[in-house]
């Protein structure tokens, strides 16, 4: 099975090397890192690990990085593409569970236990899950960056938003385009570093406003 790992990364020099080493230990060699205009050594570290690196000249946002990475995976003939966060939050040993979930599904989502999340992320995650569901997405961990797409999902989902609203957009589009979504329980790895990254209550408000604009367009 032609499987590609897609990692969006912005200023992740503290974690990207370890994340790539962990993936390679599990046998994953087809890896795309999308350097989203990093100001640190993220792209140099990724290139030194022997993976494919695509760099945006300027920071465009998570949505733009995922759009670039998933399109490249599709162009490489990927039958499966797995998105994976660069901050070390995900365990590469859980990837086979997501891939297995594509038997009978088009999109598999790694569902984190909210009880393990820092309180601010827990509140933001709950609110965005609820909003995403109200706007037409399935009720699951909508903000999880750990996903597996089959070829049909890669063809159908066309990312429009450039920033953090992309996670909800993927969920909403999956329902609009009649894709089957399956949730897979995973364990999040919440280090001090990963706690400082990703969505918070404040960013959740921005995501909500972005989603309203997206639905209105």
N, C-alpha and C. Protein backbone atom coordinates (compact mmCIF):
# COMPACT_ATOMS: atom_id res chain seq x y z
N UNK A 1 0.85 -1.19 0.00
CA UNK A 1 0.00 0.00 0.00
C UNK A 1 0.88 1.24 0.00
N UNK A 2 0.68 2.11 -0.99
CA UNK A 2 1.49 3.33 -1.11
C UNK A 2 1.02 4.36 -0.09
N UNK A 3 1.76 4.46 1.02
CA UNK A 3 1.38 5.32 2.14
C UNK A 3 2.39 6.44 2.34
N UNK A 4 1.88 7.66 2.46
CA UNK A 4 2.73 8.82 2.72
C UNK A 4 2.31 9.48 4.03
N UNK A 5 3.31 9.93 4.77
CA UNK A 5 3.08 10.70 6.00
C UNK A 5 3.28 12.18 5.66
N UNK A 6 2.33 13.01 6.04
CA UNK A 6 2.39 14.45 5.77
C UNK A 6 2.48 15.21 7.09
N UNK A 7 3.55 15.99 7.24
CA UNK A 7 3.78 16.72 8.49
C UNK A 7 3.87 18.22 8.21
N UNK A 8 2.86 19.01 8.60
CA UNK A 8 2.99 20.46 8.51
C UNK A 8 3.87 20.95 9.66
N UNK A 9 4.77 21.88 9.39
CA UNK A 9 5.71 22.30 10.44
C UNK A 9 6.03 23.78 10.32
N UNK A 10 5.92 24.47 11.45
CA UNK A 10 6.32 25.88 11.52
C UNK A 10 7.11 26.09 12.80
N UNK A 11 8.38 26.41 12.65
CA UNK A 11 9.28 26.64 13.80
C UNK A 11 9.24 25.48 14.79
N UNK A 12 9.54 24.29 14.30
CA UNK A 12 9.49 23.07 15.14
C UNK A 12 10.88 22.45 15.29
N UNK A 13 11.93 23.27 15.32
CA UNK A 13 13.28 22.70 15.41
C UNK A 13 13.50 21.90 16.69
N UNK A 14 12.73 22.19 17.74
CA UNK A 14 12.90 21.46 19.00
C UNK A 14 12.36 20.04 18.94
N UNK A 15 11.45 19.78 18.02
CA UNK A 15 10.77 18.48 18.02
C UNK A 15 10.85 17.71 16.71
N UNK A 16 11.05 18.39 15.59
CA UNK A 16 10.91 17.72 14.29
C UNK A 16 11.88 16.56 14.11
N UNK A 17 13.11 16.70 14.61
CA UNK A 17 14.08 15.62 14.47
C UNK A 17 13.64 14.35 15.16
N UNK A 18 13.16 14.49 16.39
CA UNK A 18 12.70 13.33 17.14
C UNK A 18 11.47 12.70 16.53
N UNK A 19 10.56 13.54 16.02
CA UNK A 19 9.34 13.03 15.37
C UNK A 19 9.70 12.19 14.15
N UNK A 20 10.62 12.70 13.34
CA UNK A 20 11.02 11.96 12.13
C UNK A 20 11.77 10.68 12.47
N UNK A 21 12.61 10.72 13.49
CA UNK A 21 13.31 9.51 13.91
C UNK A 21 12.31 8.45 14.38
N UNK A 22 11.29 8.88 15.13
CA UNK A 22 10.27 7.93 15.59
C UNK A 22 9.52 7.28 14.45
N UNK A 23 9.18 8.07 13.44
CA UNK A 23 8.49 7.52 12.27
C UNK A 23 9.37 6.54 11.51
N UNK A 24 10.62 6.88 11.36
CA UNK A 24 11.54 6.00 10.63
C UNK A 24 11.78 4.70 11.39
N UNK A 25 11.81 4.76 12.71
CA UNK A 25 11.97 3.53 13.50
C UNK A 25 10.81 2.58 13.26
N UNK A 26 9.64 3.12 12.96
CA UNK A 26 8.46 2.29 12.69
C UNK A 26 8.37 1.88 11.23
N UNK A 27 9.37 2.24 10.43
CA UNK A 27 9.44 1.78 9.05
C UNK A 27 8.86 2.72 8.01
N UNK A 28 8.52 3.95 8.40
CA UNK A 28 7.93 4.90 7.45
C UNK A 28 9.04 5.72 6.79
N UNK A 29 9.15 5.60 5.50
CA UNK A 29 10.20 6.30 4.75
C UNK A 29 9.63 7.36 3.82
N UNK A 30 8.37 7.21 3.42
CA UNK A 30 7.75 8.17 2.50
C UNK A 30 7.09 9.27 3.34
N UNK A 31 7.87 10.28 3.61
CA UNK A 31 7.46 11.35 4.53
C UNK A 31 7.63 12.70 3.84
N UNK A 32 6.61 13.53 3.93
CA UNK A 32 6.66 14.90 3.41
C UNK A 32 6.55 15.86 4.58
N UNK A 33 7.54 16.71 4.74
CA UNK A 33 7.47 17.80 5.72
C UNK A 33 7.20 19.08 4.94
N UNK A 34 6.12 19.76 5.29
CA UNK A 34 5.83 21.06 4.67
C UNK A 34 6.29 22.14 5.66
N UNK A 35 7.41 22.75 5.33
CA UNK A 35 7.96 23.84 6.14
C UNK A 35 7.19 25.11 5.78
N UNK A 36 6.38 25.58 6.72
CA UNK A 36 5.49 26.70 6.43
C UNK A 36 6.14 28.04 6.79
N UNK A 37 7.26 28.32 6.11
CA UNK A 37 7.93 29.60 6.32
C UNK A 37 8.64 29.70 7.65
N UNK A 38 9.18 28.60 8.14
CA UNK A 38 9.87 28.61 9.44
C UNK A 38 11.03 29.61 9.47
N UNK A 39 11.22 30.22 10.65
CA UNK A 39 12.33 31.14 10.85
C UNK A 39 13.50 30.47 11.58
N UNK A 40 13.33 29.20 11.92
CA UNK A 40 14.38 28.48 12.64
C UNK A 40 14.97 27.41 11.72
N UNK A 41 15.54 26.35 12.29
CA UNK A 41 16.23 25.33 11.51
C UNK A 41 15.35 24.12 11.16
N UNK A 42 14.04 24.29 11.24
CA UNK A 42 13.14 23.19 10.93
C UNK A 42 13.44 22.53 9.58
N UNK A 43 13.54 23.29 8.48
CA UNK A 43 13.76 22.63 7.18
C UNK A 43 15.11 21.95 7.08
N UNK A 44 16.14 22.55 7.66
CA UNK A 44 17.47 21.94 7.61
C UNK A 44 17.51 20.62 8.36
N UNK A 45 16.86 20.58 9.52
CA UNK A 45 16.83 19.35 10.32
C UNK A 45 16.06 18.27 9.57
N UNK A 46 14.93 18.64 8.97
CA UNK A 46 14.12 17.66 8.24
C UNK A 46 14.88 17.10 7.04
N UNK A 47 15.56 17.98 6.30
CA UNK A 47 16.34 17.52 5.14
C UNK A 47 17.45 16.58 5.57
N UNK A 48 18.06 16.86 6.71
CA UNK A 48 19.15 16.02 7.21
C UNK A 48 18.66 14.62 7.57
N UNK A 49 17.35 14.49 7.85
CA UNK A 49 16.77 13.18 8.17
C UNK A 49 16.38 12.41 6.91
N UNK A 50 16.60 13.00 5.74
CA UNK A 50 16.38 12.28 4.49
C UNK A 50 14.94 12.20 4.03
N UNK A 51 14.10 13.18 4.44
CA UNK A 51 12.71 13.17 4.00
C UNK A 51 12.50 14.26 2.96
N UNK A 52 11.37 14.20 2.30
CA UNK A 52 11.02 15.21 1.29
C UNK A 52 10.55 16.47 2.01
N UNK A 53 11.15 17.60 1.72
CA UNK A 53 10.78 18.87 2.35
C UNK A 53 10.29 19.84 1.28
N UNK A 54 9.10 20.38 1.52
CA UNK A 54 8.55 21.43 0.66
C UNK A 54 8.45 22.68 1.52
N UNK A 55 9.05 23.78 1.08
CA UNK A 55 9.05 25.00 1.89
C UNK A 55 8.19 26.09 1.28
N UNK A 56 7.32 26.67 2.11
CA UNK A 56 6.62 27.90 1.74
C UNK A 56 7.56 29.06 2.03
N UNK A 57 7.60 30.03 1.13
CA UNK A 57 8.48 31.18 1.33
C UNK A 57 8.09 31.96 2.57
N UNK A 58 6.79 32.12 2.80
CA UNK A 58 6.27 32.83 3.97
C UNK A 58 5.31 31.92 4.72
N UNK A 59 5.09 32.24 5.99
CA UNK A 59 4.13 31.48 6.79
C UNK A 59 2.72 31.73 6.27
N UNK A 60 2.05 30.66 5.85
CA UNK A 60 0.70 30.78 5.29
C UNK A 60 -0.36 30.18 6.20
N UNK A 61 0.02 29.30 7.11
CA UNK A 61 -0.94 28.72 8.03
C UNK A 61 -1.07 27.21 7.86
N UNK A 62 -1.67 26.59 8.88
CA UNK A 62 -1.81 25.14 8.91
C UNK A 62 -2.59 24.62 7.71
N UNK A 63 -3.68 25.30 7.35
CA UNK A 63 -4.48 24.84 6.22
C UNK A 63 -3.69 24.82 4.92
N UNK A 64 -2.93 25.89 4.70
CA UNK A 64 -2.11 25.96 3.48
C UNK A 64 -1.06 24.86 3.47
N UNK A 65 -0.45 24.59 4.64
CA UNK A 65 0.58 23.54 4.72
C UNK A 65 -0.03 22.17 4.45
N UNK A 66 -1.21 21.90 5.00
CA UNK A 66 -1.86 20.62 4.75
C UNK A 66 -2.28 20.49 3.29
N UNK A 67 -2.78 21.57 2.71
CA UNK A 67 -3.15 21.53 1.30
C UNK A 67 -1.95 21.17 0.42
N UNK A 68 -0.82 21.82 0.69
CA UNK A 68 0.40 21.53 -0.06
C UNK A 68 0.84 20.09 0.13
N UNK A 69 0.86 19.62 1.37
CA UNK A 69 1.35 18.28 1.66
C UNK A 69 0.45 17.18 1.13
N UNK A 70 -0.86 17.34 1.29
CA UNK A 70 -1.79 16.32 0.81
C UNK A 70 -1.81 16.27 -0.72
N UNK A 71 -1.68 17.44 -1.35
CA UNK A 71 -1.63 17.45 -2.82
C UNK A 71 -0.38 16.74 -3.31
N UNK A 72 0.74 16.96 -2.63
CA UNK A 72 1.98 16.29 -3.03
C UNK A 72 1.87 14.78 -2.83
N UNK A 73 1.27 14.36 -1.72
CA UNK A 73 1.06 12.92 -1.50
C UNK A 73 0.19 12.33 -2.62
N UNK A 74 -0.86 13.04 -2.97
CA UNK A 74 -1.74 12.58 -4.05
C UNK A 74 -0.97 12.47 -5.36
N UNK A 75 -0.17 13.50 -5.65
CA UNK A 75 0.61 13.49 -6.90
C UNK A 75 1.64 12.37 -6.91
N UNK A 76 2.08 11.93 -5.73
CA UNK A 76 3.04 10.83 -5.63
C UNK A 76 2.34 9.47 -5.72
N UNK A 77 1.02 9.50 -5.94
CA UNK A 77 0.27 8.25 -6.09
C UNK A 77 -0.17 7.62 -4.79
N UNK A 78 -0.22 8.40 -3.71
CA UNK A 78 -0.59 7.85 -2.41
C UNK A 78 -1.96 7.19 -2.45
N UNK A 79 -2.03 5.99 -1.94
CA UNK A 79 -3.32 5.34 -1.71
C UNK A 79 -3.84 5.71 -0.32
N UNK A 80 -2.90 6.02 0.56
CA UNK A 80 -3.23 6.47 1.91
C UNK A 80 -2.28 7.62 2.26
N UNK A 81 -2.81 8.67 2.86
CA UNK A 81 -1.98 9.75 3.40
C UNK A 81 -2.34 9.94 4.86
N UNK A 82 -1.34 10.00 5.71
CA UNK A 82 -1.53 10.18 7.14
C UNK A 82 -0.96 11.53 7.54
N UNK A 83 -1.80 12.40 8.14
CA UNK A 83 -1.28 13.67 8.65
C UNK A 83 -0.83 13.47 10.09
N UNK A 84 0.27 14.11 10.43
CA UNK A 84 0.95 13.83 11.70
C UNK A 84 1.54 15.14 12.22
N UNK A 85 1.24 15.50 13.46
CA UNK A 85 1.73 16.76 14.01
C UNK A 85 3.24 16.72 14.25
N UNK A 86 3.85 17.90 14.11
CA UNK A 86 5.31 18.02 14.25
C UNK A 86 5.77 18.26 15.68
N UNK A 87 4.82 18.40 16.62
CA UNK A 87 5.20 18.77 17.99
C UNK A 87 5.41 17.57 18.91
N UNK A 88 5.33 16.36 18.36
CA UNK A 88 5.56 15.18 19.19
C UNK A 88 4.34 14.69 19.93
N UNK A 89 3.15 15.19 19.57
CA UNK A 89 1.93 14.83 20.30
C UNK A 89 1.42 13.43 19.96
N UNK A 90 1.84 12.88 18.81
CA UNK A 90 1.31 11.60 18.36
C UNK A 90 2.35 10.48 18.45
N UNK A 91 1.84 9.28 18.67
CA UNK A 91 2.68 8.09 18.74
C UNK A 91 2.66 7.40 17.38
N UNK A 92 3.79 7.31 16.70
CA UNK A 92 3.80 6.66 15.37
C UNK A 92 3.36 5.21 15.41
N UNK A 93 3.43 4.57 16.57
CA UNK A 93 2.99 3.18 16.67
C UNK A 93 1.48 3.05 16.52
N UNK A 94 0.75 4.18 16.58
CA UNK A 94 -0.71 4.14 16.42
C UNK A 94 -1.13 4.27 14.96
N UNK A 95 -0.19 4.53 14.06
CA UNK A 95 -0.55 4.71 12.65
C UNK A 95 -1.25 3.49 12.06
N UNK A 96 -0.78 2.25 12.32
CA UNK A 96 -1.49 1.09 11.75
C UNK A 96 -2.96 1.01 12.14
N UNK A 97 -3.30 1.47 13.35
CA UNK A 97 -4.70 1.45 13.78
C UNK A 97 -5.53 2.38 12.91
N UNK A 98 -4.99 3.57 12.59
CA UNK A 98 -5.72 4.49 11.73
C UNK A 98 -5.87 3.91 10.33
N UNK A 99 -4.80 3.32 9.82
CA UNK A 99 -4.85 2.76 8.47
C UNK A 99 -5.85 1.60 8.42
N UNK A 100 -5.85 0.75 9.43
CA UNK A 100 -6.80 -0.37 9.47
C UNK A 100 -8.24 0.13 9.49
N UNK A 101 -8.45 1.30 10.10
CA UNK A 101 -9.81 1.85 10.19
C UNK A 101 -10.34 2.28 8.83
N UNK A 102 -9.46 2.39 7.84
CA UNK A 102 -9.90 2.75 6.49
C UNK A 102 -10.57 1.59 5.77
N UNK A 103 -10.54 0.41 6.37
CA UNK A 103 -11.34 -0.69 5.85
C UNK A 103 -12.81 -0.37 6.14
N UNK A 104 -13.53 0.11 5.13
CA UNK A 104 -14.91 0.51 5.33
C UNK A 104 -15.09 1.98 5.62
N UNK A 105 -14.01 2.75 5.62
CA UNK A 105 -14.10 4.19 5.84
C UNK A 105 -13.17 4.91 4.86
N UNK A 106 -13.44 6.19 4.66
CA UNK A 106 -12.62 7.02 3.78
C UNK A 106 -11.63 7.87 4.57
N UNK A 107 -12.01 8.20 5.78
CA UNK A 107 -11.21 9.09 6.62
C UNK A 107 -11.24 8.58 8.05
N UNK A 108 -10.07 8.38 8.63
CA UNK A 108 -9.97 7.93 10.02
C UNK A 108 -9.35 9.06 10.85
N UNK A 109 -9.93 9.31 12.03
CA UNK A 109 -9.49 10.39 12.91
C UNK A 109 -9.00 9.81 14.22
N UNK A 110 -7.82 10.23 14.65
CA UNK A 110 -7.32 9.84 15.96
C UNK A 110 -8.03 10.63 17.04
N UNK A 111 -8.81 9.97 17.85
CA UNK A 111 -9.63 10.63 18.88
C UNK A 111 -8.90 10.59 20.22
N UNK A 112 -8.55 11.77 20.71
CA UNK A 112 -7.83 11.87 21.98
C UNK A 112 -8.80 11.86 23.16
N UNK A 113 -8.30 11.42 24.30
CA UNK A 113 -9.07 11.46 25.54
C UNK A 113 -9.00 12.89 26.09
N UNK A 114 -10.15 13.58 26.15
CA UNK A 114 -10.13 14.96 26.64
C UNK A 114 -9.61 15.07 28.06
N UNK A 115 -9.79 14.00 28.83
CA UNK A 115 -9.34 14.02 30.22
C UNK A 115 -7.83 14.16 30.35
N UNK A 116 -7.10 13.82 29.28
CA UNK A 116 -5.65 13.92 29.31
C UNK A 116 -5.15 15.29 28.87
N UNK A 117 -6.06 16.11 28.33
CA UNK A 117 -5.65 17.41 27.79
C UNK A 117 -5.49 18.45 28.89
N UNK A 118 -4.61 19.43 28.70
CA UNK A 118 -4.59 20.60 29.59
C UNK A 118 -5.96 21.27 29.56
N UNK A 119 -6.36 21.92 30.64
CA UNK A 119 -7.74 22.42 30.76
C UNK A 119 -8.11 23.39 29.65
N UNK A 120 -7.18 24.28 29.25
CA UNK A 120 -7.53 25.26 28.23
C UNK A 120 -7.77 24.59 26.87
N UNK A 121 -6.97 23.57 26.56
CA UNK A 121 -7.18 22.84 25.31
C UNK A 121 -8.47 22.01 25.38
N UNK A 122 -8.76 21.49 26.57
CA UNK A 122 -9.97 20.69 26.74
C UNK A 122 -11.22 21.52 26.45
N UNK A 123 -11.26 22.74 27.01
CA UNK A 123 -12.40 23.62 26.80
C UNK A 123 -12.50 24.01 25.32
N UNK A 124 -11.36 24.42 24.74
CA UNK A 124 -11.35 24.81 23.34
C UNK A 124 -11.74 23.67 22.42
N UNK A 125 -11.24 22.47 22.73
CA UNK A 125 -11.54 21.30 21.90
C UNK A 125 -13.02 20.96 21.95
N UNK A 126 -13.60 20.98 23.15
CA UNK A 126 -15.03 20.68 23.30
C UNK A 126 -15.87 21.67 22.51
N UNK A 127 -15.54 22.97 22.64
CA UNK A 127 -16.31 24.00 21.95
C UNK A 127 -16.22 23.86 20.45
N UNK A 128 -15.03 23.60 19.93
CA UNK A 128 -14.86 23.48 18.48
C UNK A 128 -15.49 22.20 17.94
N UNK A 129 -15.46 21.13 18.71
CA UNK A 129 -16.17 19.91 18.30
C UNK A 129 -17.66 20.19 18.14
N UNK A 130 -18.22 20.92 19.12
CA UNK A 130 -19.64 21.23 19.10
C UNK A 130 -19.99 22.13 17.91
N UNK A 131 -19.18 23.16 17.69
CA UNK A 131 -19.42 24.09 16.58
C UNK A 131 -19.30 23.37 15.24
N UNK A 132 -18.26 22.54 15.12
CA UNK A 132 -18.05 21.79 13.87
C UNK A 132 -19.25 20.91 13.58
N UNK A 133 -19.79 20.28 14.63
CA UNK A 133 -20.96 19.43 14.46
C UNK A 133 -22.18 20.25 14.03
N UNK A 134 -22.36 21.42 14.63
CA UNK A 134 -23.48 22.29 14.27
C UNK A 134 -23.40 22.73 12.80
N UNK A 135 -22.17 22.87 12.30
CA UNK A 135 -21.98 23.33 10.93
C UNK A 135 -21.95 22.17 9.92
N UNK A 136 -22.21 20.96 10.41
CA UNK A 136 -22.38 19.84 9.49
C UNK A 136 -21.36 18.73 9.58
N UNK A 137 -20.39 18.85 10.48
CA UNK A 137 -19.38 17.81 10.61
C UNK A 137 -19.81 16.71 11.57
N UNK A 138 -19.15 15.56 11.54
CA UNK A 138 -19.47 14.49 12.49
C UNK A 138 -19.00 14.89 13.89
N UNK A 139 -19.65 14.35 14.91
CA UNK A 139 -19.24 14.69 16.28
C UNK A 139 -18.10 13.77 16.68
N UNK A 140 -16.88 14.27 16.56
CA UNK A 140 -15.69 13.51 16.91
C UNK A 140 -14.61 14.51 17.30
N UNK A 141 -13.38 14.08 17.44
CA UNK A 141 -12.29 14.99 17.80
C UNK A 141 -11.89 15.78 16.55
N UNK A 142 -12.65 16.83 16.27
CA UNK A 142 -12.50 17.56 15.02
C UNK A 142 -11.13 18.24 14.89
N UNK A 143 -10.49 18.55 16.02
CA UNK A 143 -9.23 19.30 15.97
C UNK A 143 -8.00 18.39 15.98
N UNK A 144 -8.20 17.10 15.97
CA UNK A 144 -7.07 16.18 15.94
C UNK A 144 -6.30 16.32 14.64
N UNK A 145 -4.98 16.43 14.74
CA UNK A 145 -4.14 16.51 13.55
C UNK A 145 -3.70 15.15 13.03
N UNK A 146 -4.13 14.09 13.71
CA UNK A 146 -3.74 12.72 13.38
C UNK A 146 -4.87 12.08 12.59
N UNK A 147 -4.70 12.01 11.25
CA UNK A 147 -5.76 11.53 10.37
C UNK A 147 -5.18 10.61 9.31
N UNK A 148 -6.01 9.73 8.79
CA UNK A 148 -5.63 8.90 7.64
C UNK A 148 -6.69 9.07 6.56
N UNK A 149 -6.27 9.42 5.36
CA UNK A 149 -7.14 9.62 4.21
C UNK A 149 -6.92 8.49 3.21
N UNK A 150 -7.99 7.93 2.66
CA UNK A 150 -7.79 7.04 1.52
C UNK A 150 -7.76 7.88 0.24
N UNK A 151 -7.57 7.23 -0.89
CA UNK A 151 -7.43 7.96 -2.16
C UNK A 151 -8.70 8.76 -2.48
N UNK A 152 -9.85 8.19 -2.18
CA UNK A 152 -11.12 8.88 -2.46
C UNK A 152 -11.22 10.16 -1.64
N UNK A 153 -10.83 10.11 -0.37
CA UNK A 153 -10.87 11.31 0.48
C UNK A 153 -9.90 12.37 -0.03
N UNK A 154 -8.72 11.93 -0.48
CA UNK A 154 -7.75 12.89 -1.02
C UNK A 154 -8.30 13.59 -2.26
N UNK A 155 -9.08 12.87 -3.05
CA UNK A 155 -9.68 13.47 -4.24
C UNK A 155 -10.82 14.41 -3.90
N UNK A 156 -11.64 14.03 -2.92
CA UNK A 156 -12.87 14.77 -2.64
C UNK A 156 -12.66 16.01 -1.79
N UNK A 157 -11.78 15.92 -0.78
CA UNK A 157 -11.61 17.05 0.14
C UNK A 157 -10.68 18.09 -0.48
N UNK A 158 -11.21 19.28 -0.67
CA UNK A 158 -10.46 20.38 -1.27
C UNK A 158 -10.35 21.50 -0.24
N UNK A 159 -9.21 21.59 0.42
CA UNK A 159 -9.01 22.56 1.50
C UNK A 159 -9.02 23.98 0.95
N UNK A 160 -9.87 24.82 1.56
CA UNK A 160 -9.98 26.22 1.15
C UNK A 160 -9.32 27.18 2.14
N UNK A 161 -9.51 26.91 3.41
CA UNK A 161 -8.99 27.83 4.43
C UNK A 161 -7.49 27.63 4.62
N UNK A 162 -6.80 28.69 4.99
CA UNK A 162 -5.35 28.62 5.13
C UNK A 162 -4.87 28.34 6.55
N UNK A 163 -5.71 28.59 7.54
CA UNK A 163 -5.19 28.52 8.91
C UNK A 163 -5.88 27.44 9.73
N UNK A 164 -6.00 27.62 11.05
CA UNK A 164 -6.41 26.53 11.93
C UNK A 164 -7.83 26.03 11.69
N UNK A 165 -8.67 26.81 11.02
CA UNK A 165 -10.02 26.34 10.75
C UNK A 165 -10.03 25.11 9.84
N UNK A 166 -8.88 24.77 9.28
CA UNK A 166 -8.80 23.63 8.36
C UNK A 166 -9.27 22.33 9.01
N UNK A 167 -9.00 22.15 10.29
CA UNK A 167 -9.37 20.88 10.93
C UNK A 167 -10.88 20.68 10.92
N UNK A 168 -11.61 21.75 11.24
CA UNK A 168 -13.07 21.68 11.17
C UNK A 168 -13.54 21.59 9.73
N UNK A 169 -12.88 22.31 8.83
CA UNK A 169 -13.27 22.28 7.42
C UNK A 169 -13.19 20.86 6.86
N UNK A 170 -12.14 20.14 7.20
CA UNK A 170 -12.01 18.76 6.72
C UNK A 170 -13.19 17.92 7.19
N UNK A 171 -13.59 18.08 8.45
CA UNK A 171 -14.72 17.33 8.99
C UNK A 171 -16.02 17.70 8.28
N UNK A 172 -16.23 18.99 8.07
CA UNK A 172 -17.47 19.45 7.42
C UNK A 172 -17.52 18.96 5.98
N UNK A 173 -16.41 19.09 5.25
CA UNK A 173 -16.39 18.61 3.87
C UNK A 173 -16.60 17.10 3.77
N UNK A 174 -16.11 16.38 4.76
CA UNK A 174 -16.26 14.91 4.71
C UNK A 174 -17.74 14.52 4.69
N UNK A 175 -18.57 15.29 5.39
CA UNK A 175 -20.00 14.99 5.40
C UNK A 175 -20.69 15.53 4.16
N UNK A 176 -20.29 16.71 3.72
CA UNK A 176 -20.88 17.29 2.51
C UNK A 176 -20.62 16.40 1.29
N UNK A 177 -19.50 15.69 1.29
CA UNK A 177 -19.11 14.88 0.13
C UNK A 177 -19.32 13.39 0.35
N UNK A 178 -20.13 13.10 1.39
CA UNK A 178 -20.56 11.72 1.66
C UNK A 178 -19.41 10.75 1.87
N UNK A 179 -18.41 11.21 2.59
CA UNK A 179 -17.30 10.33 2.96
C UNK A 179 -17.61 9.69 4.31
N UNK A 180 -17.20 8.44 4.46
CA UNK A 180 -17.42 7.76 5.74
C UNK A 180 -16.24 8.03 6.66
N UNK A 181 -16.54 8.50 7.86
CA UNK A 181 -15.52 8.87 8.84
C UNK A 181 -15.57 7.91 10.01
N UNK A 182 -14.41 7.47 10.45
CA UNK A 182 -14.34 6.56 11.60
C UNK A 182 -13.35 7.13 12.61
N UNK A 183 -13.74 7.17 13.87
CA UNK A 183 -12.86 7.62 14.94
C UNK A 183 -12.09 6.46 15.54
N UNK A 184 -10.83 6.71 15.87
CA UNK A 184 -9.97 5.69 16.46
C UNK A 184 -9.39 6.25 17.76
N UNK A 185 -9.68 5.66 18.91
CA UNK A 185 -9.11 6.18 20.16
C UNK A 185 -7.58 6.12 20.14
N UNK A 186 -6.96 7.23 20.50
CA UNK A 186 -5.50 7.29 20.58
C UNK A 186 -5.11 7.97 21.89
N UNK A 187 -3.86 7.82 22.25
CA UNK A 187 -3.33 8.50 23.44
C UNK A 187 -2.49 9.68 22.99
N UNK A 188 -2.87 10.88 23.42
CA UNK A 188 -2.08 12.06 23.11
C UNK A 188 -0.86 12.15 24.02
N UNK A 189 0.23 12.67 23.50
CA UNK A 189 1.45 12.85 24.28
C UNK A 189 1.58 14.34 24.57
N UNK A 190 1.18 14.76 25.78
CA UNK A 190 1.14 16.17 26.11
C UNK A 190 2.35 16.56 26.96
N UNK A 191 3.41 16.95 26.28
CA UNK A 191 4.60 17.47 26.95
C UNK A 191 4.42 18.97 27.15
N UNK A 192 5.32 19.59 27.93
CA UNK A 192 5.25 21.04 28.09
C UNK A 192 5.33 21.73 26.74
N UNK A 193 6.12 21.15 25.82
CA UNK A 193 6.26 21.74 24.50
C UNK A 193 4.97 21.64 23.70
N UNK A 194 4.39 20.45 23.63
CA UNK A 194 3.19 20.28 22.82
C UNK A 194 1.99 21.02 23.42
N UNK A 195 1.99 21.20 24.76
CA UNK A 195 0.90 21.95 25.39
C UNK A 195 0.89 23.40 24.93
N UNK A 196 2.06 23.91 24.59
CA UNK A 196 2.16 25.31 24.18
C UNK A 196 1.81 25.51 22.71
N UNK A 197 1.62 24.42 21.97
CA UNK A 197 1.32 24.51 20.54
C UNK A 197 -0.16 24.24 20.29
N UNK A 198 -0.59 24.49 19.06
CA UNK A 198 -1.95 24.11 18.67
C UNK A 198 -3.01 25.09 19.15
N UNK A 199 -4.26 24.61 19.22
CA UNK A 199 -5.39 25.48 19.48
C UNK A 199 -5.60 25.71 20.97
N UNK A 200 -6.04 26.92 21.29
CA UNK A 200 -6.41 27.31 22.64
C UNK A 200 -7.79 27.95 22.58
N UNK A 201 -8.28 28.49 23.71
CA UNK A 201 -9.59 29.14 23.71
C UNK A 201 -9.58 30.34 22.76
N UNK A 202 -8.51 31.14 22.82
CA UNK A 202 -8.43 32.33 21.97
C UNK A 202 -8.42 31.95 20.49
N UNK A 203 -7.60 30.96 20.14
CA UNK A 203 -7.56 30.55 18.73
C UNK A 203 -8.86 29.90 18.32
N UNK A 204 -9.55 29.28 19.30
CA UNK A 204 -10.84 28.67 19.01
C UNK A 204 -11.87 29.71 18.54
N UNK A 205 -11.83 30.90 19.14
CA UNK A 205 -12.75 31.97 18.73
C UNK A 205 -12.45 32.39 17.29
N UNK A 206 -11.16 32.50 16.97
CA UNK A 206 -10.78 32.86 15.60
C UNK A 206 -11.23 31.79 14.60
N UNK A 207 -11.09 30.53 15.01
CA UNK A 207 -11.52 29.43 14.14
C UNK A 207 -13.03 29.50 13.89
N UNK A 208 -13.78 29.76 14.95
CA UNK A 208 -15.24 29.87 14.83
C UNK A 208 -15.63 30.95 13.82
N UNK A 209 -15.00 32.12 13.92
CA UNK A 209 -15.32 33.21 13.00
C UNK A 209 -14.91 32.84 11.56
N UNK A 210 -13.78 32.16 11.42
CA UNK A 210 -13.33 31.72 10.09
C UNK A 210 -14.32 30.74 9.47
N UNK A 211 -14.84 29.83 10.31
CA UNK A 211 -15.81 28.84 9.81
C UNK A 211 -17.10 29.50 9.35
N UNK A 212 -17.55 30.52 10.10
CA UNK A 212 -18.76 31.24 9.70
C UNK A 212 -18.55 31.92 8.35
N UNK A 213 -17.38 32.52 8.16
CA UNK A 213 -17.08 33.16 6.87
C UNK A 213 -17.03 32.12 5.75
N UNK A 214 -16.44 30.96 6.07
CA UNK A 214 -16.31 29.90 5.07
C UNK A 214 -17.69 29.39 4.64
N UNK A 215 -18.59 29.20 5.61
CA UNK A 215 -19.93 28.69 5.30
C UNK A 215 -20.75 29.73 4.54
N UNK A 216 -20.46 31.01 4.78
CA UNK A 216 -21.21 32.07 4.13
C UNK A 216 -20.76 32.30 2.69
N UNK A 217 -19.54 31.86 2.38
CA UNK A 217 -18.98 32.13 1.04
C UNK A 217 -19.52 31.16 -0.01
